[in-house]
Amino acid sequence: MLGKLAIRNVKRSAKDYIIYLITIIISFSLIFALNLISTSEVIANLSKGLDVFQYVMYFINTIALGVICFLINYTTKFIFEKRSKEFGMYSLLGIKKQKINKCFFLKVYY
């Protein structure tokens, strides 16, 4: 029964996890791209006359990193809040903590 419950909850929350994974992938791709641009030798050679360009790129990189950290923090809190409601419901139904933990690990591995 606990396995069926875990599988059903995975199916229900798959949309949230997919959105979370896509957000993380896009965020890290953006950070990686900005770091490549700001540290690239080709870009540095092209902008030799513009000494400010490297500093502007570092500034943009810092702002993007701050926004991405906020976004990742927000989506992680959203997922944890959703899961805490689910586990609270389990405890209200009288399921023991050990079985709730088992259900959590079943959900993680499916």
C-alpha atoms as a PDB file:
ATOM      1  CA  MET A   1       0.000   0.000   0.000  1.00  0.00           C
ATOM      2  CA  LEU A   2       2.795   2.394   0.865  1.00  0.00           C
ATOM      3  CA  GLY A   3       4.455   1.739  -2.496  1.00  0.00           C
ATOM      4  CA  LYS A   4       1.225   2.516  -4.350  1.00  0.00           C
ATOM      5  CA  LEU A   5       0.862   5.734  -2.375  1.00  0.00           C
ATOM      6  CA  ALA A   6       4.426   6.770  -3.201  1.00  0.00           C
ATOM      7  CA  ILE A   7       4.017   6.001  -6.903  1.00  0.00           C
ATOM      8  CA  ARG A   8       0.740   7.915  -7.065  1.00  0.00           C
ATOM      9  CA  ASN A   9       2.348  10.935  -5.414  1.00  0.00           C
ATOM     10  CA  VAL A  10       5.258  10.806  -7.861  1.00  0.00           C
ATOM     11  CA  LYS A  11       2.815  10.943 -10.747  1.00  0.00           C
ATOM     12  CA  ARG A  12       0.944  13.847  -9.168  1.00  0.00           C
ATOM     13  CA  SER A  13       4.007  15.946  -8.451  1.00  0.00           C
ATOM     14  CA  ALA A  14       5.977  15.102 -11.600  1.00  0.00           C
ATOM     15  CA  LYS A  15       4.940  18.410 -13.184  1.00  0.00           C
ATOM     16  CA  ASP A  16       6.405  20.371 -10.266  1.00  0.00           C
ATOM     17  CA  TYR A  17       9.652  18.428 -10.367  1.00  0.00           C
ATOM     18  CA  ILE A  18       9.984  18.875 -14.131  1.00  0.00           C
ATOM     19  CA  ILE A  19       9.551  22.641 -13.748  1.00  0.00           C
ATOM     20  CA  TYR A  20      12.144  22.597 -10.967  1.00  0.00           C
ATOM     21  CA  LEU A  21      14.638  20.627 -13.048  1.00  0.00           C
ATOM     22  CA  ILE A  22      14.149  22.853 -16.092  1.00  0.00           C
ATOM     23  CA  THR A  23      14.671  25.945 -13.931  1.00  0.00           C
ATOM     24  CA  ILE A  24      17.894  24.540 -12.495  1.00  0.00           C
ATOM     25  CA  ILE A  25      19.206  23.492 -15.918  1.00  0.00           C
ATOM     26  CA  ILE A  26      18.483  26.866 -17.526  1.00  0.00           C
ATOM     27  CA  SER A  27      19.944  28.729 -14.541  1.00  0.00           C
ATOM     28  CA  PHE A  28      23.224  26.855 -14.546  1.00  0.00           C
ATOM     29  CA  SER A  29      23.449  27.123 -18.329  1.00  0.00           C
ATOM     30  CA  LEU A  30      23.069  30.892 -18.075  1.00  0.00           C
ATOM     31  CA  ILE A  31      25.735  31.127 -15.372  1.00  0.00           C
ATOM     32  CA  PHE A  32      28.083  28.962 -17.415  1.00  0.00           C
ATOM     33  CA  ALA A  33      27.522  31.025 -20.575  1.00  0.00           C
ATOM     34  CA  LEU A  34      28.114  34.336 -18.813  1.00  0.00           C
ATOM     35  CA  ASN A  35      31.279  33.018 -17.187  1.00  0.00           C
ATOM     36  CA  LEU A  36      32.554  31.811 -20.548  1.00  0.00           C
ATOM     37  CA  ILE A  37      31.893  35.187 -22.133  1.00  0.00           C
ATOM     38  CA  SER A  38      33.481  37.183 -19.328  1.00  0.00           C
ATOM     39  CA  THR A  39      36.648  35.045 -19.186  1.00  0.00           C
ATOM     40  CA  SER A  40      37.072  34.386 -22.900  1.00  0.00           C
ATOM     41  CA  GLU A  41      40.390  35.445 -24.433  1.00  0.00           C
ATOM     42  CA  VAL A  42      38.713  36.156 -27.763  1.00  0.00           C
ATOM     43  CA  ILE A  43      36.299  38.607 -26.156  1.00  0.00           C
ATOM     44  CA  ALA A  44      39.178  40.179 -24.221  1.00  0.00           C
ATOM     45  CA  ASN A  45      41.146  40.646 -27.465  1.00  0.00           C
ATOM     46  CA  LEU A  46      38.130  42.164 -29.204  1.00  0.00           C
ATOM     47  CA  SER A  47      37.537  44.606 -26.395  1.00  0.00           C
ATOM     48  CA  LYS A  48      41.115  45.737 -25.745  1.00  0.00           C
ATOM     49  CA  GLY A  49      40.089  49.311 -26.384  1.00  0.00           C
ATOM     50  CA  LEU A  50      37.204  48.958 -23.988  1.00  0.00           C
ATOM     51  CA  ASP A  51      38.773  48.418 -20.578  1.00  0.00           C
ATOM     52  CA  VAL A  52      35.390  48.779 -18.957  1.00  0.00           C
ATOM     53  CA  PHE A  53      33.883  45.833 -20.874  1.00  0.00           C
ATOM     54  CA  GLN A  54      35.372  43.165 -18.591  1.00  0.00           C
ATOM     55  CA  TYR A  55      34.072  44.970 -15.499  1.00  0.00           C
ATOM     56  CA  VAL A  56      30.634  45.358 -17.062  1.00  0.00           C
ATOM     57  CA  MET A  57      30.576  41.636 -17.825  1.00  0.00           C
ATOM     58  CA  TYR A  58      31.556  40.789 -14.244  1.00  0.00           C
ATOM     59  CA  PHE A  59      28.841  43.123 -12.971  1.00  0.00           C
ATOM     60  CA  ILE A  60      26.208  41.527 -15.231  1.00  0.00           C
ATOM     61  CA  ASN A  61      27.419  38.096 -14.148  1.00  0.00           C
ATOM     62  CA  THR A  62      27.053  39.069 -10.484  1.00  0.00           C
ATOM     63  CA  ILE A  63      23.521  40.392 -10.996  1.00  0.00           C
ATOM     64  CA  ALA A  64      22.507  37.278 -12.938  1.00  0.00           C
ATOM     65  CA  LEU A  65      23.983  35.084 -10.217  1.00  0.00           C
ATOM     66  CA  GLY A  66      21.966  36.928  -7.557  1.00  0.00           C
ATOM     67  CA  VAL A  67      18.729  36.588  -9.535  1.00  0.00           C
ATOM     68  CA  ILE A  68      19.372  32.907 -10.206  1.00  0.00           C
ATOM     69  CA  CYS A  69      20.140  32.242  -6.527  1.00  0.00           C
ATOM     70  CA  PHE A  70      16.838  33.892  -5.593  1.00  0.00           C
ATOM     71  CA  LEU A  71      14.995  31.832  -8.213  1.00  0.00           C
ATOM     72  CA  ILE A  72      16.526  28.547  -7.078  1.00  0.00           C
ATOM     73  CA  ASN A  73      15.818  29.408  -3.428  1.00  0.00           C
ATOM     74  CA  TYR A  74      12.199  30.218  -4.243  1.00  0.00           C
ATOM     75  CA  THR A  75      11.563  27.025  -6.209  1.00  0.00           C
ATOM     76  CA  THR A  76      13.263  24.892  -3.551  1.00  0.00           C
ATOM     77  CA  LYS A  77      11.116  26.435  -0.814  1.00  0.00           C
ATOM     78  CA  PHE A  78       8.029  25.818  -2.955  1.00  0.00           C
ATOM     79  CA  ILE A  79       8.884  22.130  -3.398  1.00  0.00           C
ATOM     80  CA  PHE A  80       9.677  21.682   0.312  1.00  0.00           C
ATOM     81  CA  GLU A  81       6.461  23.431   1.338  1.00  0.00           C
ATOM     82  CA  LYS A  82       4.464  21.171  -0.918  1.00  0.00           C
ATOM     83  CA  ARG A  83       6.200  18.078   0.454  1.00  0.00           C
ATOM     84  CA  SER A  84       5.735  19.180   4.078  1.00  0.00           C
ATOM     85  CA  LYS A  85       1.981  19.429   3.528  1.00  0.00           C
ATOM     86  CA  GLU A  86       2.029  15.937   2.055  1.00  0.00           C
ATOM     87  CA  PHE A  87       3.975  14.502   4.994  1.00  0.00           C
ATOM     88  CA  GLY A  88       1.762  16.371   7.450  1.00  0.00           C
ATOM     89  CA  MET A  89      -1.241  14.701   5.869  1.00  0.00           C
ATOM     90  CA  TYR A  90       0.435  11.321   6.251  1.00  0.00           C
ATOM     91  CA  SER A  91       1.048  11.922   9.940  1.00  0.00           C
ATOM     92  CA  LEU A  92      -2.570  13.044  10.393  1.00  0.00           C
ATOM     93  CA  LEU A  93      -3.673   9.794   8.805  1.00  0.00           C
ATOM     94  CA  GLY A  94      -1.707   7.945  11.478  1.00  0.00           C
ATOM     95  CA  ILE A  95       1.199   6.701   9.429  1.00  0.00           C
ATOM     96  CA  LYS A  96       4.316   6.268  11.568  1.00  0.00           C
ATOM     97  CA  LYS A  97       7.406   8.393  10.912  1.00  0.00           C
ATOM     98  CA  GLN A  98       9.390   5.366   9.793  1.00  0.00           C
ATOM     99  CA  LYS A  99       6.842   4.595   7.097  1.00  0.00           C
ATOM    100  CA  ILE A 100       6.731   8.253   6.045  1.00  0.00           C
ATOM    101  CA  ASN A 101      10.525   8.185   5.661  1.00  0.00           C
ATOM    102  CA  LYS A 102      10.246   4.985   3.666  1.00  0.00           C
ATOM    103  CA  CYS A 103       7.618   6.610   1.449  1.00  0.00           C
ATOM    104  CA  PHE A 104       9.934   9.603   0.933  1.00  0.00           C
ATOM    105  CA  PHE A 105      12.797   7.372  -0.181  1.00  0.00           C
ATOM    106  CA  LEU A 106      10.492   5.357  -2.415  1.00  0.00           C
ATOM    107  CA  LYS A 107       9.403   8.579  -4.053  1.00  0.00           C
ATOM    108  CA  VAL A 108      12.977   9.730  -4.511  1.00  0.00           C
ATOM    109  CA  TYR A 109      14.087   6.523  -6.186  1.00  0.00           C
ATOM    110  CA  TYR A 110      11.120   6.200  -8.582  1.00  0.00           C
END
